[in-house]
Amino acid sequence: MERGTQRLRVWGAWLTVRSTHTEPCATLGTAVVLGLDDGPPLRVQATDPLSVQR
């Protein structure tokens, strides 16, 4: 995922991805943490499909 150039549909709006990293998570295994231009960071399971807009 390219930061700043891709948008993710979250909470009913398209938000720009500002940062990405992975971290271990007891409940998800490996989590991908997405820093968005609005709202708190979003943690998703590394294997979850995401829809992005360029």
Protein backbone atom coordinates (compact mmCIF):
# COMPACT_ATOMS: atom_id res chain seq x y z
CA MET A 1 0.00 0.00 0.00
CA GLU A 2 1.42 3.36 -1.00
CA ARG A 3 0.99 5.96 1.72
CA GLY A 4 -0.70 9.18 0.75
CA THR A 5 -1.80 7.92 -2.65
CA GLN A 6 -4.37 5.31 -1.72
CA ARG A 7 -7.68 5.69 0.06
CA LEU A 8 -9.52 3.14 2.14
CA ARG A 9 -13.26 3.02 2.76
CA VAL A 10 -13.66 3.14 6.56
CA TRP A 11 -16.54 4.29 8.78
CA GLY A 12 -18.61 5.30 5.74
CA ALA A 13 -15.97 7.57 4.18
CA TRP A 14 -12.90 7.30 1.94
CA LEU A 15 -9.83 8.14 4.08
CA THR A 16 -6.24 8.57 2.94
CA VAL A 17 -3.66 6.13 4.31
CA ARG A 18 -0.83 8.13 5.91
CA SER A 19 1.25 5.32 7.44
CA THR A 20 1.40 1.54 7.65
CA HIS A 21 3.18 -0.98 9.85
CA THR A 22 2.68 -4.48 11.24
CA GLU A 23 2.65 -5.59 14.85
CA PRO A 24 2.00 -8.85 16.69
CA CYS A 25 -1.48 -9.16 18.13
CA ALA A 26 -2.71 -11.80 20.61
CA THR A 27 -6.16 -12.00 19.02
CA LEU A 28 -5.36 -11.34 15.34
CA GLY A 29 -1.95 -12.99 14.92
CA THR A 30 -0.23 -10.32 12.86
CA ALA A 31 -2.06 -7.02 12.61
CA VAL A 32 -1.60 -4.32 9.99
CA VAL A 33 -1.92 -0.87 11.53
CA LEU A 34 -3.08 1.84 9.16
CA GLY A 35 -2.63 5.48 10.10
CA LEU A 36 -5.43 7.43 8.44
CA ASP A 37 -5.87 11.14 7.76
CA ASP A 38 -8.83 11.26 10.16
CA GLY A 39 -9.65 9.17 13.22
CA PRO A 40 -7.68 6.63 15.24
CA PRO A 41 -5.30 4.07 13.71
CA LEU A 42 -7.09 1.09 12.19
CA ARG A 43 -5.84 -2.41 13.09
CA VAL A 44 -6.83 -5.25 10.78
CA GLN A 45 -5.77 -8.86 10.49
CA ALA A 46 -2.96 -9.20 7.95
CA THR A 47 -5.01 -11.66 5.87
CA ASP A 48 -8.19 -9.52 5.71
CA PRO A 49 -9.07 -8.24 2.23
CA LEU A 50 -9.25 -4.45 1.86
CA SER A 51 -10.75 -2.26 -0.85
CA VAL A 52 -8.58 0.68 -1.84
CA GLN A 53 -9.02 3.58 -4.23
CA ARG A 54 -6.10 5.21 -6.02
